[in-house]
Amino acid sequence: MALMFHLSVGDVWNTANNIERRYGAAVTGVLCVTASALNAAYQYHNVDALAGDLLGLPMIWFSVATSLVTATWQINPNPTTGERDALYPVAGDAKTEFVWFQG
């Protein structure tokens, strides 16, 4: 369950960061992805140490990704207001649409 939760959190973060370009929420999201990956590795390690260690290896990438996402948020203020986006999800210009529901 921990791995499925981690993958779900990663999908939500991916949408916020890459599709909707909500850079502020993406900073918080990447921290949640990192925490969920750490939890999944810990849960796997409790069952099989090797599995937990292997699942923990992506933590190296998550630390780099966290730095990159944070830097992207810092250098890309909102073009309209000139301020950085909030670090929490807010209603904005981005609109999520599902292709399979469009008629």
C-alpha atoms as a PDB file:
ATOM      1  CA  MET A   1       0.000   0.000   0.000  1.00  0.00           C
ATOM      2  CA  ALA A   2       2.856   2.372   0.782  1.00  0.00           C
ATOM      3  CA  LEU A   3       4.263   1.999  -2.726  1.00  0.00           C
ATOM      4  CA  MET A   4       0.860   2.567  -4.344  1.00  0.00           C
ATOM      5  CA  PHE A   5       0.397   5.664  -2.169  1.00  0.00           C
ATOM      6  CA  HIS A   6       3.830   6.929  -3.220  1.00  0.00           C
ATOM      7  CA  LEU A   7       3.006   6.425  -6.897  1.00  0.00           C
ATOM      8  CA  SER A   8      -0.319   8.228  -6.462  1.00  0.00           C
ATOM      9  CA  VAL A   9       1.312  11.183  -4.723  1.00  0.00           C
ATOM     10  CA  GLY A  10       3.885  11.284  -7.528  1.00  0.00           C
ATOM     11  CA  ASP A  11       1.147  11.428 -10.167  1.00  0.00           C
ATOM     12  CA  VAL A  12      -0.600  14.299  -8.409  1.00  0.00           C
ATOM     13  CA  TRP A  13       2.710  16.165  -8.100  1.00  0.00           C
ATOM     14  CA  ASN A  14       3.507  15.516 -11.765  1.00  0.00           C
ATOM     15  CA  THR A  15       0.193  17.066 -12.817  1.00  0.00           C
ATOM     16  CA  ALA A  16       0.675  20.122 -10.600  1.00  0.00           C
ATOM     17  CA  ASN A  17       4.266  20.674 -11.723  1.00  0.00           C
ATOM     18  CA  ASN A  18       4.357  19.701 -15.385  1.00  0.00           C
ATOM     19  CA  ILE A  19       0.797  20.125 -16.637  1.00  0.00           C
ATOM     20  CA  GLU A  20      -0.702  22.938 -14.563  1.00  0.00           C
ATOM     21  CA  ARG A  21       2.616  24.724 -13.862  1.00  0.00           C
ATOM     22  CA  ARG A  22       1.690  25.391 -10.232  1.00  0.00           C
ATOM     23  CA  TYR A  23       5.267  25.872  -9.108  1.00  0.00           C
ATOM     24  CA  GLY A  24       4.470  26.797  -5.512  1.00  0.00           C
ATOM     25  CA  ALA A  25       2.297  23.746  -4.932  1.00  0.00           C
ATOM     26  CA  ALA A  26       4.924  21.667  -6.738  1.00  0.00           C
ATOM     27  CA  VAL A  27       7.497  22.546  -4.061  1.00  0.00           C
ATOM     28  CA  THR A  28       5.209  21.200  -1.356  1.00  0.00           C
ATOM     29  CA  GLY A  29       4.278  18.282  -3.609  1.00  0.00           C
ATOM     30  CA  VAL A  30       7.851  17.175  -4.225  1.00  0.00           C
ATOM     31  CA  LEU A  31       8.409  17.144  -0.470  1.00  0.00           C
ATOM     32  CA  CYS A  32       5.356  14.895  -0.147  1.00  0.00           C
ATOM     33  CA  VAL A  33       6.692  12.626  -2.906  1.00  0.00           C
ATOM     34  CA  THR A  34      10.007  12.394  -1.076  1.00  0.00           C
ATOM     35  CA  ALA A  35       8.302  11.609   2.231  1.00  0.00           C
ATOM     36  CA  SER A  36       6.079   8.963   0.653  1.00  0.00           C
ATOM     37  CA  ALA A  37       9.091   7.338  -1.038  1.00  0.00           C
ATOM     38  CA  LEU A  38      10.944   7.286   2.263  1.00  0.00           C
ATOM     39  CA  ASN A  39       7.901   5.704   3.924  1.00  0.00           C
ATOM     40  CA  ALA A  40       7.622   3.062   1.185  1.00  0.00           C
ATOM     41  CA  ALA A  41      11.326   2.206   1.498  1.00  0.00           C
ATOM     42  CA  TYR A  42      10.971   1.942   5.269  1.00  0.00           C
ATOM     43  CA  GLN A  43       7.916  -0.317   5.005  1.00  0.00           C
ATOM     44  CA  TYR A  44       9.696  -2.573   2.514  1.00  0.00           C
ATOM     45  CA  HIS A  45      12.811  -2.612   4.697  1.00  0.00           C
ATOM     46  CA  ASN A  46      10.733  -3.925   7.597  1.00  0.00           C
ATOM     47  CA  VAL A  47       9.848  -6.973   5.484  1.00  0.00           C
ATOM     48  CA  ASP A  48      13.063  -7.449   3.493  1.00  0.00           C
ATOM     49  CA  ALA A  49      16.152  -5.329   4.108  1.00  0.00           C
ATOM     50  CA  LEU A  50      17.443  -5.628   0.538  1.00  0.00           C
ATOM     51  CA  ALA A  51      14.100  -4.563  -0.939  1.00  0.00           C
ATOM     52  CA  GLY A  52      14.015  -1.529   1.338  1.00  0.00           C
ATOM     53  CA  ASP A  53      17.581  -0.597   0.492  1.00  0.00           C
ATOM     54  CA  LEU A  54      16.906  -0.845  -3.243  1.00  0.00           C
ATOM     55  CA  LEU A  55      13.708   1.166  -2.940  1.00  0.00           C
ATOM     56  CA  GLY A  56      15.650   3.763  -0.957  1.00  0.00           C
ATOM     57  CA  LEU A  57      18.151   4.403  -3.775  1.00  0.00           C
ATOM     58  CA  PRO A  58      15.851   6.850  -5.618  1.00  0.00           C
ATOM     59  CA  MET A  59      16.094   9.104  -2.554  1.00  0.00           C
ATOM     60  CA  ILE A  60      19.308  10.419  -4.124  1.00  0.00           C
ATOM     61  CA  TRP A  61      17.304  11.589  -7.134  1.00  0.00           C
ATOM     62  CA  PHE A  62      14.490  12.958  -4.946  1.00  0.00           C
ATOM     63  CA  SER A  63      16.957  15.203  -3.123  1.00  0.00           C
ATOM     64  CA  VAL A  64      18.153  16.584  -6.478  1.00  0.00           C
ATOM     65  CA  ALA A  65      14.571  16.920  -7.741  1.00  0.00           C
ATOM     66  CA  THR A  66      13.570  18.808  -4.599  1.00  0.00           C
ATOM     67  CA  SER A  67      16.406  21.274  -5.168  1.00  0.00           C
ATOM     68  CA  LEU A  68      15.490  21.733  -8.835  1.00  0.00           C
ATOM     69  CA  VAL A  69      11.778  22.226  -8.186  1.00  0.00           C
ATOM     70  CA  THR A  70      12.501  24.718  -5.408  1.00  0.00           C
ATOM     71  CA  ALA A  71      14.932  26.664  -7.613  1.00  0.00           C
ATOM     72  CA  THR A  72      12.392  26.671 -10.462  1.00  0.00           C
ATOM     73  CA  TRP A  73       9.779  28.137  -8.115  1.00  0.00           C
ATOM     74  CA  GLN A  74      12.233  30.796  -6.893  1.00  0.00           C
ATOM     75  CA  ILE A  75      13.263  32.040 -10.338  1.00  0.00           C
ATOM     76  CA  ASN A  76       9.798  31.950 -11.964  1.00  0.00           C
ATOM     77  CA  PRO A  77       7.486  34.485 -10.348  1.00  0.00           C
ATOM     78  CA  ASN A  78       3.943  34.905 -11.582  1.00  0.00           C
ATOM     79  CA  PRO A  79       4.162  37.017 -14.779  1.00  0.00           C
ATOM     80  CA  THR A  80       1.027  38.967 -13.868  1.00  0.00           C
ATOM     81  CA  THR A  81       1.798  39.875 -10.250  1.00  0.00           C
ATOM     82  CA  GLY A  82       5.564  39.432 -10.118  1.00  0.00           C
ATOM     83  CA  GLU A  83       5.215  37.400  -6.910  1.00  0.00           C
ATOM     84  CA  ARG A  84       6.018  33.764  -6.319  1.00  0.00           C
ATOM     85  CA  ASP A  85       3.145  31.295  -6.296  1.00  0.00           C
ATOM     86  CA  ALA A  86       1.851  30.160  -2.922  1.00  0.00           C
ATOM     87  CA  LEU A  87       3.328  26.961  -1.492  1.00  0.00           C
ATOM     88  CA  TYR A  88      -0.146  25.501  -1.114  1.00  0.00           C
ATOM     89  CA  PRO A  89      -2.706  24.657  -3.788  1.00  0.00           C
ATOM     90  CA  VAL A  90      -4.900  27.603  -4.747  1.00  0.00           C
ATOM     91  CA  ALA A  91      -7.487  28.197  -7.440  1.00  0.00           C
ATOM     92  CA  GLY A  92      -5.748  29.881 -10.319  1.00  0.00           C
ATOM     93  CA  ASP A  93      -5.573  30.098 -14.080  1.00  0.00           C
ATOM     94  CA  ALA A  94      -4.699  26.431 -14.537  1.00  0.00           C
ATOM     95  CA  LYS A  95      -7.567  24.172 -15.479  1.00  0.00           C
ATOM     96  CA  THR A  96      -7.385  20.405 -15.364  1.00  0.00           C
ATOM     97  CA  GLU A  97      -9.309  18.691 -18.130  1.00  0.00           C
ATOM     98  CA  PHE A  98      -9.782  15.020 -18.805  1.00  0.00           C
ATOM     99  CA  VAL A  99      -9.611  14.200 -22.507  1.00  0.00           C
ATOM    100  CA  TRP A 100     -11.882  11.170 -22.228  1.00  0.00           C
ATOM    101  CA  PHE A 101     -14.724  13.333 -20.815  1.00  0.00           C
ATOM    102  CA  GLN A 102     -14.661  15.842 -23.646  1.00  0.00           C
ATOM    103  CA  GLY A 103     -17.383  15.294 -26.189  1.00  0.00           C
END
